Amino acid sequence: MIEYRTSSFCSAGSCVAVGRTAEGGYAVIDTKDEAPRPLHFTSDEWAAFVAGVKNGEFDPA
């Protein structure tokens, strides 16, 4: 079973949650979905995403 975490900025239950998989990757769910269908990412994919966030690659223009 995956333990999911949400951001401390999450409010009103409209958030995403992230958890580590047994294989060492990451799973992401929508917290308002009653039957979560996680998106799965390898650790390399997750690291690339986090680096992109830190570098501002997803900031609005």
PDB file of N, CA and C in Angstrom:
ATOM      1  N   MET A   1       0.836  -1.186   0.000  1.00  0.00           N
ATOM      2  CA  MET A   1       0.000   0.000   0.000  1.00  0.00           C
ATOM      3  C   MET A   1       0.878   1.246   0.000  1.00  0.00           C
ATOM      4  N   ILE A   2       0.481   2.206  -0.784  1.00  0.00           N
ATOM      5  CA  ILE A   2       1.250   3.446  -0.908  1.00  0.00           C
ATOM      6  C   ILE A   2       0.723   4.471   0.091  1.00  0.00           C
ATOM      7  N   GLU A   3       1.629   5.105   0.817  1.00  0.00           N
ATOM      8  CA  GLU A   3       1.263   6.213   1.695  1.00  0.00           C
ATOM      9  C   GLU A   3       1.423   7.500   0.905  1.00  0.00           C
ATOM     10  N   TYR A   4       0.311   8.189   0.690  1.00  0.00           N
ATOM     11  CA  TYR A   4       0.325   9.430  -0.083  1.00  0.00           C
ATOM     12  C   TYR A   4       0.456  10.631   0.829  1.00  0.00           C
ATOM     13  N   ARG A   5       1.094  11.676   0.310  1.00  0.00           N
ATOM     14  CA  ARG A   5       1.243  12.941   1.027  1.00  0.00           C
ATOM     15  C   ARG A   5       0.741  14.066   0.140  1.00  0.00           C
ATOM     16  N   THR A   6       0.106  15.040   0.767  1.00  0.00           N
ATOM     17  CA  THR A   6      -0.315  16.240   0.053  1.00  0.00           C
ATOM     18  C   THR A   6       0.510  17.419   0.547  1.00  0.00           C
ATOM     19  N   SER A   7       0.516  18.464  -0.227  1.00  0.00           N
ATOM     20  CA  SER A   7       1.223  19.676   0.140  1.00  0.00           C
ATOM     21  C   SER A   7       0.548  20.350   1.327  1.00  0.00           C
ATOM     22  N   SER A   8       1.323  21.083   2.100  1.00  0.00           N
ATOM     23  CA  SER A   8       0.745  21.863   3.203  1.00  0.00           C
ATOM     24  C   SER A   8      -0.105  23.011   2.652  1.00  0.00           C
ATOM     25  N   PHE A   9       0.032  23.311   1.363  1.00  0.00           N
ATOM     26  CA  PHE A   9      -0.766  24.355   0.724  1.00  0.00           C
ATOM     27  C   PHE A   9      -2.114  23.823   0.240  1.00  0.00           C
ATOM     28  N   CYS A  10      -2.355  22.537   0.371  1.00  0.00           N
ATOM     29  CA  CYS A  10      -3.594  21.911  -0.074  1.00  0.00           C
ATOM     30  C   CYS A  10      -4.751  22.405   0.787  1.00  0.00           C
ATOM     31  N   SER A  11      -5.848  22.764   0.124  1.00  0.00           N
ATOM     32  CA  SER A  11      -7.030  23.179   0.873  1.00  0.00           C
ATOM     33  C   SER A  11      -8.281  22.686   0.155  1.00  0.00           C
ATOM     34  N   ALA A  12      -9.312  22.446   0.890  1.00  0.00           N
ATOM     35  CA  ALA A  12     -10.625  22.043   0.378  1.00  0.00           C
ATOM     36  C   ALA A  12     -10.593  20.726  -0.381  1.00  0.00           C
ATOM     37  N   GLY A  13      -9.550  19.910  -0.220  1.00  0.00           N
ATOM     38  CA  GLY A  13      -9.503  18.586  -0.815  1.00  0.00           C
ATOM     39  C   GLY A  13      -9.296  18.528  -2.312  1.00  0.00           C
ATOM     40  N   SER A  14      -9.021  19.653  -2.953  1.00  0.00           N
ATOM     41  CA  SER A  14      -8.781  19.679  -4.397  1.00  0.00           C
ATOM     42  C   SER A  14      -7.281  19.705  -4.649  1.00  0.00           C
ATOM     43  N   CYS A  15      -6.643  18.582  -4.404  1.00  0.00           N
ATOM     44  CA  CYS A  15      -5.189  18.539  -4.451  1.00  0.00           C
ATOM     45  C   CYS A  15      -4.710  17.277  -5.157  1.00  0.00           C
ATOM     46  N   VAL A  16      -3.428  17.211  -5.344  1.00  0.00           N
ATOM     47  CA  VAL A  16      -2.816  15.968  -5.768  1.00  0.00           C
ATOM     48  C   VAL A  16      -1.987  15.455  -4.604  1.00  0.00           C
ATOM     49  N   ALA A  17      -1.801  14.159  -4.557  1.00  0.00           N
ATOM     50  CA  ALA A  17      -1.001  13.537  -3.511  1.00  0.00           C
ATOM     51  C   ALA A  17       0.045  12.652  -4.173  1.00  0.00           C
ATOM     52  N   VAL A  18       1.209  12.569  -3.557  1.00  0.00           N
ATOM     53  CA  VAL A  18       2.335  11.812  -4.102  1.00  0.00           C
ATOM     54  C   VAL A  18       2.784  10.783  -3.086  1.00  0.00           C
ATOM     55  N   GLY A  19       3.132   9.595  -3.567  1.00  0.00           N
ATOM     56  CA  GLY A  19       3.637   8.553  -2.688  1.00  0.00           C
ATOM     57  C   GLY A  19       4.693   7.723  -3.384  1.00  0.00           C
ATOM     58  N   ARG A  20       5.572   7.119  -2.594  1.00  0.00           N
ATOM     59  CA  ARG A  20       6.617   6.235  -3.121  1.00  0.00           C
ATOM     60  C   ARG A  20       6.035   4.851  -3.350  1.00  0.00           C
ATOM     61  N   THR A  21       6.424   4.231  -4.462  1.00  0.00           N
ATOM     62  CA  THR A  21       5.988   2.870  -4.741  1.00  0.00           C
ATOM     63  C   THR A  21       7.006   1.881  -4.185  1.00  0.00           C
ATOM     64  N   ALA A  22       6.611   0.636  -4.077  1.00  0.00           N
ATOM     65  CA  ALA A  22       7.511  -0.407  -3.586  1.00  0.00           C
ATOM     66  C   ALA A  22       8.711  -0.584  -4.513  1.00  0.00           C
ATOM     67  N   GLU A  23       8.546  -0.229  -5.771  1.00  0.00           N
ATOM     68  CA  GLU A  23       9.625  -0.380  -6.752  1.00  0.00           C
ATOM     69  C   GLU A  23      10.591   0.801  -6.746  1.00  0.00           C
ATOM     70  N   GLY A  24      10.320   1.820  -5.933  1.00  0.00           N
ATOM     71  CA  GLY A  24      11.203   2.979  -5.846  1.00  0.00           C
ATOM     72  C   GLY A  24      10.787   4.137  -6.713  1.00  0.00           C
ATOM     73  N   GLY A  25       9.664   4.030  -7.390  1.00  0.00           N
ATOM     74  CA  GLY A  25       9.155   5.128  -8.203  1.00  0.00           C
ATOM     75  C   GLY A  25       8.174   5.969  -7.402  1.00  0.00           C
ATOM     76  N   TYR A  26       7.337   6.692  -8.122  1.00  0.00           N
ATOM     77  CA  TYR A  26       6.369   7.577  -7.489  1.00  0.00           C
ATOM     78  C   TYR A  26       5.001   7.379  -8.121  1.00  0.00           C
ATOM     79  N   ALA A  27       3.970   7.558  -7.309  1.00  0.00           N
ATOM     80  CA  ALA A  27       2.590   7.497  -7.769  1.00  0.00           C
ATOM     81  C   ALA A  27       1.915   8.804  -7.375  1.00  0.00           C
ATOM     82  N   VAL A  28       1.082   9.325  -8.280  1.00  0.00           N
ATOM     83  CA  VAL A  28       0.386  10.593  -8.060  1.00  0.00           C
ATOM     84  C   VAL A  28      -1.109  10.355  -8.237  1.00  0.00           C
ATOM     85  N   ILE A  29      -1.903  10.857  -7.279  1.00  0.00           N
ATOM     86  CA  ILE A  29      -3.362  10.735  -7.373  1.00  0.00           C
ATOM     87  C   ILE A  29      -4.025  12.092  -7.187  1.00  0.00           C
ATOM     88  N   ASP A  30      -5.261  12.183  -7.661  1.00  0.00           N
ATOM     89  CA  ASP A  30      -6.128  13.333  -7.457  1.00  0.00           C
ATOM     90  C   ASP A  30      -6.928  13.041  -6.192  1.00  0.00           C
ATOM     91  N   THR A  31      -6.816  13.883  -5.170  1.00  0.00           N
ATOM     92  CA  THR A  31      -7.444  13.584  -3.886  1.00  0.00           C
ATOM     93  C   THR A  31      -8.971  13.633  -3.926  1.00  0.00           C
ATOM     94  N   LYS A  32      -9.558  14.287  -4.904  1.00  0.00           N
ATOM     95  CA  LYS A  32     -11.014  14.327  -4.953  1.00  0.00           C
ATOM     96  C   LYS A  32     -11.603  13.148  -5.719  1.00  0.00           C
ATOM     97  N   ASP A  33     -10.750  12.270  -6.257  1.00  0.00           N
ATOM     98  CA  ASP A  33     -11.191  11.065  -6.956  1.00  0.00           C
ATOM     99  C   ASP A  33     -11.415   9.969  -5.926  1.00  0.00           C
ATOM    100  N   GLU A  34     -12.645   9.481  -5.799  1.00  0.00           N
ATOM    101  CA  GLU A  34     -12.961   8.486  -4.777  1.00  0.00           C
ATOM    102  C   GLU A  34     -12.339   7.113  -5.064  1.00  0.00           C
ATOM    103  N   ALA A  35     -12.036   6.828  -6.309  1.00  0.00           N
ATOM    104  CA  ALA A  35     -11.391   5.563  -6.681  1.00  0.00           C
ATOM    105  C   ALA A  35     -10.085   5.921  -7.388  1.00  0.00           C
ATOM    106  N   PRO A  36      -9.060   6.249  -6.611  1.00  0.00           N
ATOM    107  CA  PRO A  36      -7.828   6.770  -7.218  1.00  0.00           C
ATOM    108  C   PRO A  36      -7.194   5.817  -8.231  1.00  0.00           C
ATOM    109  N   ARG A  37      -6.872   6.381  -9.358  1.00  0.00           N
ATOM    110  CA  ARG A  37      -6.125   5.678 -10.406  1.00  0.00           C
ATOM    111  C   ARG A  37      -4.802   6.423 -10.540  1.00  0.00           C
ATOM    112  N   PRO A  38      -3.784   5.951  -9.868  1.00  0.00           N
ATOM    113  CA  PRO A  38      -2.534   6.708  -9.834  1.00  0.00           C
ATOM    114  C   PRO A  38      -1.814   6.740 -11.175  1.00  0.00           C
ATOM    115  N   LEU A  39      -1.126   7.841 -11.385  1.00  0.00           N
ATOM    116  CA  LEU A  39      -0.160   7.953 -12.475  1.00  0.00           C
ATOM    117  C   LEU A  39       1.164   7.500 -11.879  1.00  0.00           C
ATOM    118  N   HIS A  40       1.891   6.671 -12.591  1.00  0.00           N
ATOM    119  CA  HIS A  40       3.154   6.134 -12.084  1.00  0.00           C
ATOM    120  C   HIS A  40       4.337   6.734 -12.838  1.00  0.00           C
ATOM    121  N   PHE A  41       5.395   7.044 -12.099  1.00  0.00           N
ATOM    122  CA  PHE A  41       6.606   7.619 -12.662  1.00  0.00           C
ATOM    123  C   PHE A  41       7.818   6.912 -12.079  1.00  0.00           C
ATOM    124  N   THR A  42       8.845   6.732 -12.899  1.00  0.00           N
ATOM    125  CA  THR A  42      10.103   6.186 -12.386  1.00  0.00           C
ATOM    126  C   THR A  42      10.791   7.260 -11.555  1.00  0.00           C
ATOM    127  N   SER A  43      11.795   6.872 -10.794  1.00  0.00           N
ATOM    128  CA  SER A  43      12.518   7.867  -9.994  1.00  0.00           C
ATOM    129  C   SER A  43      13.226   8.880 -10.890  1.00  0.00           C
ATOM    130  N   ASP A  44      13.715   8.458 -12.061  1.00  0.00           N
ATOM    131  CA  ASP A  44      14.358   9.393 -12.996  1.00  0.00           C
ATOM    132  C   ASP A  44      13.347  10.389 -13.570  1.00  0.00           C
ATOM    133  N   GLU A  45      12.167   9.902 -13.916  1.00  0.00           N
ATOM    134  CA  GLU A  45      11.125  10.798 -14.423  1.00  0.00           C
ATOM    135  C   GLU A  45      10.718  11.809 -13.362  1.00  0.00           C
ATOM    136  N   TRP A  46      10.561  11.342 -12.125  1.00  0.00           N
ATOM    137  CA  TRP A  46      10.166  12.231 -11.038  1.00  0.00           C
ATOM    138  C   TRP A  46      11.250  13.273 -10.778  1.00  0.00           C
ATOM    139  N   ALA A  47      12.506  12.855 -10.792  1.00  0.00           N
ATOM    140  CA  ALA A  47      13.623  13.790 -10.572  1.00  0.00           C
ATOM    141  C   ALA A  47      13.646  14.865 -11.660  1.00  0.00           C
ATOM    142  N   ALA A  48      13.378  14.489 -12.908  1.00  0.00           N
ATOM    143  CA  ALA A  48      13.342  15.455 -14.006  1.00  0.00           C
ATOM    144  C   ALA A  48      12.194  16.445 -13.809  1.00  0.00           C
ATOM    145  N   PHE A  49      11.033  15.952 -13.367  1.00  0.00           N
ATOM    146  CA  PHE A  49       9.891  16.828 -13.104  1.00  0.00           C
ATOM    147  C   PHE A  49      10.217  17.818 -11.990  1.00  0.00           C
ATOM    148  N   VAL A  50      10.747  17.327 -10.876  1.00  0.00           N
ATOM    149  CA  VAL A  50      11.072  18.199  -9.738  1.00  0.00           C
ATOM    150  C   VAL A  50      12.118  19.238 -10.152  1.00  0.00           C
ATOM    151  N   ALA A  51      13.118  18.836 -10.930  1.00  0.00           N
ATOM    152  CA  ALA A  51      14.128  19.790 -11.407  1.00  0.00           C
ATOM    153  C   ALA A  51      13.473  20.863 -12.276  1.00  0.00           C
ATOM    154  N   GLY A  52      12.524  20.465 -13.135  1.00  0.00           N
ATOM    155  CA  GLY A  52      11.818  21.425 -13.961  1.00  0.00           C
ATOM    156  C   GLY A  52      11.014  22.432 -13.144  1.00  0.00           C
ATOM    157  N   VAL A  53      10.376  21.949 -12.082  1.00  0.00           N
ATOM    158  CA  VAL A  53       9.615  22.835 -11.202  1.00  0.00           C
ATOM    159  C   VAL A  53      10.557  23.826 -10.546  1.00  0.00           C
ATOM    160  N   LYS A  54      11.670  23.338 -10.032  1.00  0.00           N
ATOM    161  CA  LYS A  54      12.640  24.219  -9.361  1.00  0.00           C
ATOM    162  C   LYS A  54      13.237  25.233 -10.306  1.00  0.00           C
ATOM    163  N   ASN A  55      13.365  24.880 -11.590  1.00  0.00           N
ATOM    164  CA  ASN A  55      13.934  25.786 -12.590  1.00  0.00           C
ATOM    165  C   ASN A  55      12.901  26.711 -13.205  1.00  0.00           C
ATOM    166  N   GLY A  56      11.648  26.608 -12.783  1.00  0.00           N
ATOM    167  CA  GLY A  56      10.608  27.488 -13.294  1.00  0.00           C
ATOM    168  C   GLY A  56      10.075  27.121 -14.665  1.00  0.00           C
ATOM    169  N   GLU A  57      10.328  25.898 -15.120  1.00  0.00           N
ATOM    170  CA  GLU A  57       9.919  25.488 -16.460  1.00  0.00           C
ATOM    171  C   GLU A  57       8.405  25.441 -16.638  1.00  0.00           C
ATOM    172  N   PHE A  58       7.644  25.393 -15.554  1.00  0.00           N
ATOM    173  CA  PHE A  58       6.196  25.287 -15.639  1.00  0.00           C
ATOM    174  C   PHE A  58       5.491  26.560 -15.200  1.00  0.00           C
ATOM    175  N   ASP A  59       6.268  27.612 -14.914  1.00  0.00           N
ATOM    176  CA  ASP A  59       5.674  28.884 -14.505  1.00  0.00           C
ATOM    177  C   ASP A  59       4.955  29.516 -15.704  1.00  0.00           C
ATOM    178  N   PRO A  60       3.836  30.182 -15.448  1.00  0.00           N
ATOM    179  CA  PRO A  60       3.132  30.865 -16.548  1.00  0.00           C
ATOM    180  C   PRO A  60       4.021  31.944 -17.161  1.00  0.00           C
ATOM    181  N   ALA A  61       3.869  32.107 -18.435  1.00  0.00           N
ATOM    182  CA  ALA A  61       4.696  33.096 -19.155  1.00  0.00           C
ATOM    183  C   ALA A  61       4.246  34.511 -18.869  1.00  0.00           C
TER     184      ALA A  61
END
